[in-house]
Protein backbone atom coordinates (compact mmCIF):
# COMPACT_ATOMS: atom_id res chain seq x y z
CA UNK A 1 117.65 100.35 111.67
CA UNK A 2 116.59 103.39 109.66
CA UNK A 3 116.35 103.31 105.87
CA UNK A 4 116.19 106.55 103.88
CA UNK A 5 114.78 106.67 100.36
CA UNK A 6 117.46 107.26 97.77
CA UNK A 7 115.72 110.16 96.09
CA UNK A 8 113.72 113.13 97.23
CA UNK A 9 109.95 112.97 97.02
CA UNK A 10 108.78 115.39 94.33
CA UNK A 11 105.03 115.13 94.14
CA UNK A 12 102.13 112.79 94.74
CA UNK A 13 103.26 109.93 92.46
CA UNK A 14 106.70 109.83 94.11
CA UNK A 15 105.02 109.76 97.52
CA UNK A 16 102.77 106.85 96.47
CA UNK A 17 105.77 104.88 95.22
CA UNK A 18 107.83 105.29 98.38
CA UNK A 19 104.85 104.70 100.68
CA UNK A 20 104.25 101.30 99.07
CA UNK A 21 106.93 99.78 101.32
CA UNK A 22 105.41 101.38 104.43
CA UNK A 23 101.92 100.11 103.55
CA UNK A 24 103.27 96.60 102.93
CA UNK A 25 105.21 96.51 106.20
CA UNK A 26 102.19 97.76 108.13
CA UNK A 27 99.85 95.28 106.42
CA UNK A 28 102.09 92.34 107.31
CA UNK A 29 102.03 93.10 111.03
CA UNK A 30 104.29 91.13 113.33
CA UNK A 31 105.63 87.97 111.68
CA UNK A 32 108.84 86.19 112.63
CA UNK A 33 109.93 85.85 108.97
CA UNK A 34 109.45 89.50 107.96
CA UNK A 35 111.65 92.38 109.13
CA UNK A 36 109.66 94.15 111.86
CA UNK A 37 108.36 97.65 111.07
CA UNK A 38 108.32 100.37 113.75
CA UNK A 39 107.62 103.74 112.14
CA UNK A 40 108.02 105.99 109.12
CA UNK A 41 108.32 109.74 108.64
CA UNK A 42 109.13 112.33 105.98
CA UNK A 43 111.78 114.93 106.66
CA UNK A 44 112.97 117.44 104.05
CA UNK A 45 111.20 115.45 101.30
CA UNK A 46 112.98 112.19 102.23
CA UNK A 47 111.05 109.18 103.56
CA UNK A 48 112.65 107.37 106.51
CA UNK A 49 111.53 103.88 107.53
CA UNK A 50 112.49 102.49 110.94
CA UNK A 51 112.65 98.69 111.15
CA UNK A 52 114.23 96.18 113.50
CA UNK A 53 118.01 96.16 113.46
CA UNK A 54 119.62 92.96 112.17
CA UNK A 55 123.35 93.29 112.95
CA UNK A 56 124.44 90.39 110.75
CA UNK A 57 123.19 92.07 107.59
CA UNK A 58 121.91 90.08 104.64
CA UNK A 59 122.75 86.46 103.96
CA UNK A 60 125.10 87.73 101.24
CA UNK A 61 127.00 89.70 103.88
CA UNK A 62 127.21 86.59 106.09
CA UNK A 63 128.35 84.40 103.22
CA UNK A 64 131.02 86.86 102.06
CA UNK A 65 132.39 87.33 105.58
CA UNK A 66 132.50 83.57 106.14
CA UNK A 67 130.17 83.67 109.17
CA UNK A 68 127.39 81.89 107.28
CA UNK A 69 128.00 78.47 105.74
CA UNK A 70 125.35 76.93 103.52
CA UNK A 71 125.41 73.20 103.98
CA UNK A 72 122.44 71.04 102.96
CA UNK A 73 120.69 71.44 106.33
CA UNK A 74 121.06 75.24 106.33
CA UNK A 75 119.76 75.51 102.76
CA UNK A 76 116.70 73.44 103.68
CA UNK A 77 116.10 75.71 106.66
CA UNK A 78 116.43 78.83 104.51
CA UNK A 79 114.01 77.51 101.88
CA UNK A 80 111.46 76.39 104.48
CA UNK A 81 111.53 79.69 106.38
CA UNK A 82 111.40 81.68 103.13
CA UNK A 83 108.31 79.70 102.07
CA UNK A 84 106.64 80.40 105.43
CA UNK A 85 107.43 84.11 105.09
CA UNK A 86 106.18 84.30 101.51
CA UNK A 87 103.00 82.50 102.53
CA UNK A 88 102.42 85.29 105.06
CA UNK A 89 102.78 87.84 102.25
CA UNK A 90 100.31 85.99 100.04
CA UNK A 91 97.83 85.42 102.87
CA UNK A 92 97.80 89.20 103.35
CA UNK A 93 97.29 89.89 99.63
CA UNK A 94 100.88 91.00 98.98
CA UNK A 95 103.53 89.94 96.47
CA UNK A 96 107.24 90.63 97.13
CA UNK A 97 108.73 91.34 93.71
CA UNK A 98 112.38 91.46 94.74
CA UNK A 99 113.28 88.19 96.50
CA UNK A 100 117.05 87.83 96.31
CA UNK A 101 119.86 87.01 98.77
CA UNK A 102 120.50 90.71 99.46
CA UNK A 103 116.93 91.02 100.82
CA UNK A 104 117.08 87.97 103.11
CA UNK A 105 118.44 88.37 106.63
CA UNK A 106 119.46 85.96 109.39
CA UNK A 107 118.91 86.84 113.05
CA UNK A 108 121.33 85.83 115.79
CA UNK A 109 118.76 83.21 116.85
CA UNK A 110 118.75 81.51 113.43
CA UNK A 111 115.53 82.99 112.02
CA UNK A 112 115.53 84.03 108.35
CA UNK A 113 113.64 87.25 107.59
CA UNK A 114 112.46 88.87 104.38
CA UNK A 115 113.28 92.57 104.06
CA UNK A 116 113.37 95.45 101.59
CA UNK A 117 109.72 95.60 100.61
CA UNK A 118 110.20 98.55 98.23
CA UNK A 119 108.90 96.62 95.22
CA UNK A 120 106.14 94.79 97.09
CA UNK A 121 102.70 95.19 95.58
CA UNK A 122 99.18 94.35 96.61
CA UNK A 123 97.90 91.30 94.71
CA UNK A 124 95.06 92.67 92.62
CA UNK A 125 93.86 89.13 91.90
CA UNK A 126 93.53 88.00 95.54
CA UNK A 127 89.85 88.96 95.80
CA UNK A 128 89.10 87.70 92.28
CA UNK A 129 90.52 84.26 93.07
CA UNK A 130 88.57 84.09 96.31
CA UNK A 131 85.30 84.96 94.56
CA UNK A 132 86.01 82.67 91.62
CA UNK A 133 86.66 79.55 93.66
CA UNK A 134 84.24 80.02 96.54
CA UNK A 135 80.93 80.97 94.97
CA UNK A 136 78.08 78.84 93.66
CA UNK A 137 78.09 75.46 91.98
CA UNK A 138 78.92 74.43 88.44
CA UNK A 139 75.38 73.44 87.33
């Protein structure tokens, strides 16, 4: 799948904003609960991001078309896999700021994946927490 940014890049701050998604995808590496990243390029001031293709679309698409039914078991599976995926974000110092059904995808093999990392940010407190809780004693 190829995603194009909605607006043209007009300067350094625009470039930094659109590259945030590329940096996040690259930092996450290969994880079964995150949409796989392949490449990115700029053409005529538009950023294109190539990711794995998920033909079923988002879980909203599946629900609306009637191909995805959310019984109790399926909801448990979704929540569990979402938690595993978010843990991968947090372990890598990232926070996904736009978790919603439109950004969750289901593969044909039943794996839920987190996508659309456009609002993802690096957790500025990750290093602070590590230093705070791992150094010295309280005396």
